[in-house]
Amino acid sequence: MAMTQWLFPPAPTPSLPIAGAAERFPVRRILCVGQNYAAHAREMGQERAEPFFFSKPADALVADGADPLYPSRTTDLHHEVELVCAVGPEGDIVGWAVGCDLTRRDLQATAKAKGRPWDAAKGFDHSAPCGPVHRGDLPDPNASIELRVDGELRQAGRLGDMVWSPHDILAKAGELWEVRAGDLIFTGTPEGVGPLNPGERVDATIGGLPPLSFTVRPR
């Protein structure tokens, strides 16, 4: 069989470290669930509804303790701490991580007002910082989910506050896509989302999982 000839070298596969293991988790794509905590839905002017999805490209991932770059074309970058599901070869959840859905809120508001897609608001470069994957069962529903900016508590809740459980979300995603090994699913954020400025430090935690920390780099 002839070897594939590339016009230029393919980009490296985005991946996450796996806590306590030498292997890495290869990332195929990133799906995200909107407004999966009732209090956050209310702060965004919405009520409980069927889960809805948007996506980020796999290369939006920021891993291994790297610091994301403050994005262009925004003056209102927001943080959203989330539990992340890592999907394995059988299409089931094989691990969990702490993620942060970074959002160009001003671009999102404009898109919403005009009925346009959210891609530029959600799927930009460096928009998906994520900690190591922890193998094992779903963290305790009573586990806390929190985010601090320069030590100030901004977001706080419990995993049990989610409207749709991770396994419900996986099933719903499976109605829309063929969910496959390497998919990450960001499962929504609790209330308290707010702005981030260049130079600010983010510390995001979920009980029982490796923490996520990063500093927003200025352009």
C-alpha atoms as a PDB file:
ATOM      1  CA  MET A   1       0.000   0.000   0.000  1.00  0.00           C
ATOM      2  CA  ALA A   2       1.363   3.410  -0.992  1.00  0.00           C
ATOM      3  CA  MET A   3       2.157   5.819   1.819  1.00  0.00           C
ATOM      4  CA  THR A   4      -0.028   8.907   2.060  1.00  0.00           C
ATOM      5  CA  GLN A   5       1.656  11.984   0.673  1.00  0.00           C
ATOM      6  CA  TRP A   6       0.727  15.126   2.608  1.00  0.00           C
ATOM      7  CA  LEU A   7       0.844  18.605   1.081  1.00  0.00           C
ATOM      8  CA  PHE A   8       2.220  19.715   4.449  1.00  0.00           C
ATOM      9  CA  PRO A   9       2.733  17.889   7.779  1.00  0.00           C
ATOM     10  CA  PRO A  10      -0.561  17.231   9.641  1.00  0.00           C
ATOM     11  CA  ALA A  11      -1.073  19.106  12.895  1.00  0.00           C
ATOM     12  CA  PRO A  12      -0.369  17.146  16.102  1.00  0.00           C
ATOM     13  CA  THR A  13      -3.363  15.456  17.760  1.00  0.00           C
ATOM     14  CA  PRO A  14      -4.645  17.567  20.693  1.00  0.00           C
ATOM     15  CA  SER A  15      -4.523  15.576  23.918  1.00  0.00           C
ATOM     16  CA  LEU A  16      -4.841  15.675  27.695  1.00  0.00           C
ATOM     17  CA  PRO A  17      -2.666  14.016  30.330  1.00  0.00           C
ATOM     18  CA  ILE A  18      -4.258  11.191  32.334  1.00  0.00           C
ATOM     19  CA  ALA A  19      -3.711  11.513  36.068  1.00  0.00           C
ATOM     20  CA  GLY A  20      -1.368   8.797  37.373  1.00  0.00           C
ATOM     21  CA  ALA A  21      -0.667   7.286  33.947  1.00  0.00           C
ATOM     22  CA  ALA A  22       1.904   7.645  31.196  1.00  0.00           C
ATOM     23  CA  GLU A  23      -0.744   7.475  28.441  1.00  0.00           C
ATOM     24  CA  ARG A  24      -2.495  10.552  27.102  1.00  0.00           C
ATOM     25  CA  PHE A  25      -6.129  11.015  26.085  1.00  0.00           C
ATOM     26  CA  PRO A  26      -6.347  11.941  22.366  1.00  0.00           C
ATOM     27  CA  VAL A  27      -9.054  14.540  21.730  1.00  0.00           C
ATOM     28  CA  ARG A  28     -11.245  14.181  18.638  1.00  0.00           C
ATOM     29  CA  ARG A  29     -13.708  17.020  19.225  1.00  0.00           C
ATOM     30  CA  ILE A  30     -15.268  19.116  21.972  1.00  0.00           C
ATOM     31  CA  LEU A  31     -19.023  19.325  22.544  1.00  0.00           C
ATOM     32  CA  CYS A  32     -20.469  21.745  25.107  1.00  0.00           C
ATOM     33  CA  VAL A  33     -23.853  21.924  26.812  1.00  0.00           C
ATOM     34  CA  GLY A  34     -25.475  25.297  27.416  1.00  0.00           C
ATOM     35  CA  GLN A  35     -27.275  26.387  30.584  1.00  0.00           C
ATOM     36  CA  ASN A  36     -27.253  23.045  32.417  1.00  0.00           C
ATOM     37  CA  TYR A  37     -27.447  24.628  35.876  1.00  0.00           C
ATOM     38  CA  ALA A  38     -30.834  26.207  36.627  1.00  0.00           C
ATOM     39  CA  ALA A  39     -29.360  29.218  38.467  1.00  0.00           C
ATOM     40  CA  HIS A  40     -27.019  29.968  35.567  1.00  0.00           C
ATOM     41  CA  ALA A  41     -29.897  29.683  33.092  1.00  0.00           C
ATOM     42  CA  ARG A  42     -31.788  32.260  35.133  1.00  0.00           C
ATOM     43  CA  GLU A  43     -28.828  34.650  35.275  1.00  0.00           C
ATOM     44  CA  MET A  44     -28.700  34.410  31.460  1.00  0.00           C
ATOM     45  CA  GLY A  45     -32.430  35.180  31.247  1.00  0.00           C
ATOM     46  CA  GLN A  46     -33.534  31.631  30.414  1.00  0.00           C
ATOM     47  CA  GLU A  47     -35.435  28.797  32.099  1.00  0.00           C
ATOM     48  CA  ARG A  48     -34.881  25.040  32.250  1.00  0.00           C
ATOM     49  CA  ALA A  49     -35.195  23.444  28.835  1.00  0.00           C
ATOM     50  CA  GLU A  50     -33.951  20.535  26.763  1.00  0.00           C
ATOM     51  CA  PRO A  51     -30.140  20.471  26.691  1.00  0.00           C
ATOM     52  CA  PHE A  52     -28.652  22.253  23.683  1.00  0.00           C
ATOM     53  CA  PHE A  53     -25.153  21.910  22.310  1.00  0.00           C
ATOM     54  CA  PHE A  54     -22.450  23.981  20.713  1.00  0.00           C
ATOM     55  CA  SER A  55     -18.917  22.954  19.845  1.00  0.00           C
ATOM     56  CA  LYS A  56     -15.289  23.994  19.973  1.00  0.00           C
ATOM     57  CA  PRO A  57     -12.555  22.680  17.695  1.00  0.00           C
ATOM     58  CA  ALA A  58     -10.208  20.171  19.297  1.00  0.00           C
ATOM     59  CA  ASP A  59      -7.281  22.547  18.839  1.00  0.00           C
ATOM     60  CA  ALA A  60      -9.009  25.113  21.110  1.00  0.00           C
ATOM     61  CA  LEU A  61      -7.771  22.896  23.959  1.00  0.00           C
ATOM     62  CA  VAL A  62      -5.287  24.406  26.426  1.00  0.00           C
ATOM     63  CA  ALA A  63      -3.587  21.604  28.377  1.00  0.00           C
ATOM     64  CA  ASP A  64      -0.554  20.739  30.488  1.00  0.00           C
ATOM     65  CA  GLY A  65      -0.718  23.883  32.590  1.00  0.00           C
ATOM     66  CA  ALA A  66      -0.366  26.238  29.623  1.00  0.00           C
ATOM     67  CA  ASP A  67      -1.792  29.757  29.798  1.00  0.00           C
ATOM     68  CA  PRO A  68      -4.395  30.884  27.235  1.00  0.00           C
ATOM     69  CA  LEU A  69      -3.943  34.083  25.265  1.00  0.00           C
ATOM     70  CA  TYR A  70      -6.541  36.844  25.700  1.00  0.00           C
ATOM     71  CA  PRO A  71      -8.506  36.630  22.441  1.00  0.00           C
ATOM     72  CA  SER A  72      -8.820  39.286  19.773  1.00  0.00           C
ATOM     73  CA  ARG A  73     -11.988  41.238  18.947  1.00  0.00           C
ATOM     74  CA  THR A  74     -13.411  41.246  22.479  1.00  0.00           C
ATOM     75  CA  THR A  75     -13.429  43.418  25.578  1.00  0.00           C
ATOM     76  CA  ASP A  76     -15.614  41.022  27.565  1.00  0.00           C
ATOM     77  CA  LEU A  77     -13.979  37.613  27.979  1.00  0.00           C
ATOM     78  CA  HIS A  78     -15.886  35.424  30.486  1.00  0.00           C
ATOM     79  CA  HIS A  79     -15.011  32.329  32.545  1.00  0.00           C
ATOM     80  CA  GLU A  80     -17.300  29.285  32.879  1.00  0.00           C
ATOM     81  CA  VAL A  81     -16.032  26.390  35.038  1.00  0.00           C
ATOM     82  CA  GLU A  82     -17.350  22.977  33.945  1.00  0.00           C
ATOM     83  CA  LEU A  83     -17.172  19.249  34.600  1.00  0.00           C
ATOM     84  CA  VAL A  84     -15.760  17.600  31.473  1.00  0.00           C
ATOM     85  CA  CYS A  85     -16.588  14.030  30.379  1.00  0.00           C
ATOM     86  CA  ALA A  86     -13.998  12.054  28.411  1.00  0.00           C
ATOM     87  CA  VAL A  87     -15.497   9.452  26.060  1.00  0.00           C
ATOM     88  CA  GLY A  88     -13.737   6.113  25.528  1.00  0.00           C
ATOM     89  CA  PRO A  89     -13.618   3.407  22.824  1.00  0.00           C
ATOM     90  CA  GLU A  90     -17.021   1.925  23.680  1.00  0.00           C
ATOM     91  CA  GLY A  91     -18.734   5.303  23.537  1.00  0.00           C
ATOM     92  CA  ASP A  92     -19.010   5.485  27.307  1.00  0.00           C
ATOM     93  CA  ILE A  93     -17.502   7.944  29.778  1.00  0.00           C
ATOM     94  CA  VAL A  94     -14.054   6.759  30.880  1.00  0.00           C
ATOM     95  CA  GLY A  95     -12.860   9.826  32.783  1.00  0.00           C
ATOM     96  CA  TRP A  96     -13.524  13.297  34.128  1.00  0.00           C
ATOM     97  CA  ALA A  97     -11.716  16.614  34.173  1.00  0.00           C
ATOM     98  CA  VAL A  98     -12.076  20.242  35.218  1.00  0.00           C
ATOM     99  CA  GLY A  99     -12.541  22.546  32.250  1.00  0.00           C
ATOM    100  CA  CYS A 100     -13.167  26.221  31.630  1.00  0.00           C
ATOM    101  CA  ASP A 101     -15.339  27.336  28.732  1.00  0.00           C
ATOM    102  CA  LEU A 102     -13.931  30.755  27.799  1.00  0.00           C
ATOM    103  CA  THR A 103     -16.480  32.959  26.033  1.00  0.00           C
ATOM    104  CA  ARG A 104     -16.306  36.232  24.115  1.00  0.00           C
ATOM    105  CA  ARG A 105     -19.518  37.426  25.761  1.00  0.00           C
ATOM    106  CA  ASP A 106     -19.879  40.594  23.695  1.00  0.00           C
ATOM    107  CA  LEU A 107     -19.623  38.632  20.455  1.00  0.00           C
ATOM    108  CA  GLN A 108     -22.105  36.072  21.811  1.00  0.00           C
ATOM    109  CA  ALA A 109     -24.614  38.816  22.692  1.00  0.00           C
ATOM    110  CA  THR A 110     -24.356  40.250  19.186  1.00  0.00           C
ATOM    111  CA  ALA A 111     -24.804  36.809  17.628  1.00  0.00           C
ATOM    112  CA  LYS A 112     -27.850  36.088  19.793  1.00  0.00           C
ATOM    113  CA  ALA A 113     -29.456  39.432  18.915  1.00  0.00           C
ATOM    114  CA  LYS A 114     -29.012  38.777  15.191  1.00  0.00           C
ATOM    115  CA  GLY A 115     -29.862  35.055  15.298  1.00  0.00           C
ATOM    116  CA  ARG A 116     -26.372  34.111  14.153  1.00  0.00           C
ATOM    117  CA  PRO A 117     -24.164  31.130  15.138  1.00  0.00           C
ATOM    118  CA  TRP A 118     -21.962  31.344  18.246  1.00  0.00           C
ATOM    119  CA  ASP A 119     -18.775  29.987  16.658  1.00  0.00           C
ATOM    120  CA  ALA A 120     -16.722  33.168  17.023  1.00  0.00           C
ATOM    121  CA  ALA A 121     -17.939  33.612  20.601  1.00  0.00           C
ATOM    122  CA  LYS A 122     -17.230  30.059  21.769  1.00  0.00           C
ATOM    123  CA  GLY A 123     -14.895  28.231  19.382  1.00  0.00           C
ATOM    124  CA  PHE A 124     -11.911  30.560  19.195  1.00  0.00           C
ATOM    125  CA  ASP A 125      -8.246  29.709  19.767  1.00  0.00           C
ATOM    126  CA  HIS A 126      -7.335  28.873  23.393  1.00  0.00           C
ATOM    127  CA  SER A 127     -11.016  28.815  24.425  1.00  0.00           C
ATOM    128  CA  ALA A 128     -10.946  25.426  26.204  1.00  0.00           C
ATOM    129  CA  PRO A 129      -8.460  25.187  29.104  1.00  0.00           C
ATOM    130  CA  CYS A 130      -8.737  21.727  30.658  1.00  0.00           C
ATOM    131  CA  GLY A 131      -7.032  19.813  33.457  1.00  0.00           C
ATOM    132  CA  PRO A 132      -5.863  16.174  33.465  1.00  0.00           C
ATOM    133  CA  VAL A 133      -8.344  13.349  32.921  1.00  0.00           C
ATOM    134  CA  HIS A 134      -9.161  11.377  36.080  1.00  0.00           C
ATOM    135  CA  ARG A 135     -10.191   7.789  35.361  1.00  0.00           C
ATOM    136  CA  GLY A 136     -13.018   6.347  37.413  1.00  0.00           C
ATOM    137  CA  ASP A 137     -16.625   6.839  38.414  1.00  0.00           C
ATOM    138  CA  LEU A 138     -18.600  10.076  38.311  1.00  0.00           C
ATOM    139  CA  PRO A 139     -17.541  12.366  41.160  1.00  0.00           C
ATOM    140  CA  ASP A 140     -19.943  12.575  44.099  1.00  0.00           C
ATOM    141  CA  PRO A 141     -23.005  14.708  43.230  1.00  0.00           C
ATOM    142  CA  ASN A 142     -22.327  16.604  46.466  1.00  0.00           C
ATOM    143  CA  ALA A 143     -18.839  17.505  45.218  1.00  0.00           C
ATOM    144  CA  SER A 144     -18.234  21.219  44.927  1.00  0.00           C
ATOM    145  CA  ILE A 145     -17.505  22.982  41.639  1.00  0.00           C
ATOM    146  CA  GLU A 146     -15.776  26.339  42.097  1.00  0.00           C
ATOM    147  CA  LEU A 147     -13.791  28.987  40.260  1.00  0.00           C
ATOM    148  CA  ARG A 148     -11.654  31.748  41.716  1.00  0.00           C
ATOM    149  CA  VAL A 149     -10.059  34.726  39.982  1.00  0.00           C
ATOM    150  CA  ASP A 150      -6.957  36.070  41.740  1.00  0.00           C
ATOM    151  CA  GLY A 151      -8.191  34.251  44.857  1.00  0.00           C
ATOM    152  CA  GLU A 152     -11.719  35.747  44.782  1.00  0.00           C
ATOM    153  CA  LEU A 153     -14.535  33.165  44.654  1.00  0.00           C
ATOM    154  CA  ARG A 154     -16.627  33.819  41.539  1.00  0.00           C
ATOM    155  CA  GLN A 155     -18.504  30.560  40.893  1.00  0.00           C
ATOM    156  CA  ALA A 156     -19.652  27.963  43.411  1.00  0.00           C
ATOM    157  CA  GLY A 157     -22.099  25.082  43.221  1.00  0.00           C
ATOM    158  CA  ARG A 158     -22.482  21.305  43.465  1.00  0.00           C
ATOM    159  CA  LEU A 159     -22.395  18.784  40.664  1.00  0.00           C
ATOM    160  CA  GLY A 160     -25.839  17.679  41.828  1.00  0.00           C
ATOM    161  CA  ASP A 161     -27.176  21.091  40.759  1.00  0.00           C
ATOM    162  CA  MET A 162     -26.962  20.037  37.113  1.00  0.00           C
ATOM    163  CA  VAL A 163     -30.334  19.820  35.369  1.00  0.00           C
ATOM    164  CA  TRP A 164     -29.155  17.012  33.090  1.00  0.00           C
ATOM    165  CA  SER A 165     -26.707  14.419  34.429  1.00  0.00           C
ATOM    166  CA  PRO A 166     -23.562  13.614  32.437  1.00  0.00           C
ATOM    167  CA  HIS A 167     -25.004  10.277  31.318  1.00  0.00           C
ATOM    168  CA  ASP A 168     -28.246  11.988  30.218  1.00  0.00           C
ATOM    169  CA  ILE A 169     -26.141  14.482  28.267  1.00  0.00           C
ATOM    170  CA  LEU A 170     -24.180  11.671  26.631  1.00  0.00           C
ATOM    171  CA  ALA A 171     -27.425  10.023  25.561  1.00  0.00           C
ATOM    172  CA  LYS A 172     -28.782  13.310  24.162  1.00  0.00           C
ATOM    173  CA  ALA A 173     -25.547  13.939  22.278  1.00  0.00           C
ATOM    174  CA  GLY A 174     -25.828  10.439  20.824  1.00  0.00           C
ATOM    175  CA  GLU A 175     -29.145  11.414  19.242  1.00  0.00           C
ATOM    176  CA  LEU A 176     -27.373  14.136  17.252  1.00  0.00           C
ATOM    177  CA  TRP A 177     -23.913  12.709  16.569  1.00  0.00           C
ATOM    178  CA  GLU A 178     -22.051   9.442  16.589  1.00  0.00           C
ATOM    179  CA  VAL A 179     -20.251  10.026  19.877  1.00  0.00           C
ATOM    180  CA  ARG A 180     -16.860   8.373  19.608  1.00  0.00           C
ATOM    181  CA  ALA A 181     -13.624   7.784  21.466  1.00  0.00           C
ATOM    182  CA  GLY A 182     -11.743  11.012  22.053  1.00  0.00           C
ATOM    183  CA  ASP A 183     -14.791  13.244  22.388  1.00  0.00           C
ATOM    184  CA  LEU A 184     -14.883  15.659  25.309  1.00  0.00           C
ATOM    185  CA  ILE A 185     -18.206  16.959  26.613  1.00  0.00           C
ATOM    186  CA  PHE A 186     -18.287  20.137  28.710  1.00  0.00           C
ATOM    187  CA  THR A 187     -21.412  19.702  30.845  1.00  0.00           C
ATOM    188  CA  GLY A 188     -22.387  23.283  31.708  1.00  0.00           C
ATOM    189  CA  THR A 189     -21.483  25.882  34.308  1.00  0.00           C
ATOM    190  CA  PRO A 190     -22.972  27.097  37.608  1.00  0.00           C
ATOM    191  CA  GLU A 191     -23.995  30.706  38.163  1.00  0.00           C
ATOM    192  CA  GLY A 192     -21.479  33.476  38.677  1.00  0.00           C
ATOM    193  CA  VAL A 193     -19.899  33.684  35.231  1.00  0.00           C
ATOM    194  CA  GLY A 194     -18.009  36.917  34.786  1.00  0.00           C
ATOM    195  CA  PRO A 195     -15.191  38.807  33.102  1.00  0.00           C
ATOM    196  CA  LEU A 196     -11.509  37.950  32.893  1.00  0.00           C
ATOM    197  CA  ASN A 197      -8.756  40.447  32.206  1.00  0.00           C
ATOM    198  CA  PRO A 198      -5.218  39.922  30.944  1.00  0.00           C
ATOM    199  CA  GLY A 199      -2.895  38.889  33.755  1.00  0.00           C
ATOM    200  CA  GLU A 200      -5.610  37.450  36.004  1.00  0.00           C
ATOM    201  CA  ARG A 201      -5.142  34.015  37.566  1.00  0.00           C
ATOM    202  CA  VAL A 202      -7.901  31.374  37.402  1.00  0.00           C
ATOM    203  CA  ASP A 203      -8.128  28.461  39.828  1.00  0.00           C
ATOM    204  CA  ALA A 204     -10.932  26.001  39.032  1.00  0.00           C
ATOM    205  CA  THR A 205     -11.724  22.981  41.191  1.00  0.00           C
ATOM    206  CA  ILE A 206     -14.161  20.074  41.396  1.00  0.00           C
ATOM    207  CA  GLY A 207     -14.067  17.817  44.437  1.00  0.00           C
ATOM    208  CA  GLY A 208     -12.088  14.641  43.746  1.00  0.00           C
ATOM    209  CA  LEU A 209     -10.514  15.810  40.454  1.00  0.00           C
ATOM    210  CA  PRO A 210      -7.126  17.330  39.602  1.00  0.00           C
ATOM    211  CA  PRO A 211      -7.480  21.137  39.683  1.00  0.00           C
ATOM    212  CA  LEU A 212      -7.129  23.487  36.733  1.00  0.00           C
ATOM    213  CA  SER A 213      -5.111  26.707  37.010  1.00  0.00           C
ATOM    214  CA  PHE A 214      -4.018  29.218  34.405  1.00  0.00           C
ATOM    215  CA  THR A 215      -3.184  32.883  33.901  1.00  0.00           C
ATOM    216  CA  VAL A 216      -4.677  34.840  31.005  1.00  0.00           C
ATOM    217  CA  ARG A 217      -1.797  36.095  28.864  1.00  0.00           C
ATOM    218  CA  PRO A 218      -2.069  39.564  27.332  1.00  0.00           C
ATOM    219  CA  ARG A 219      -1.933  39.834  23.549  1.00  0.00           C
END
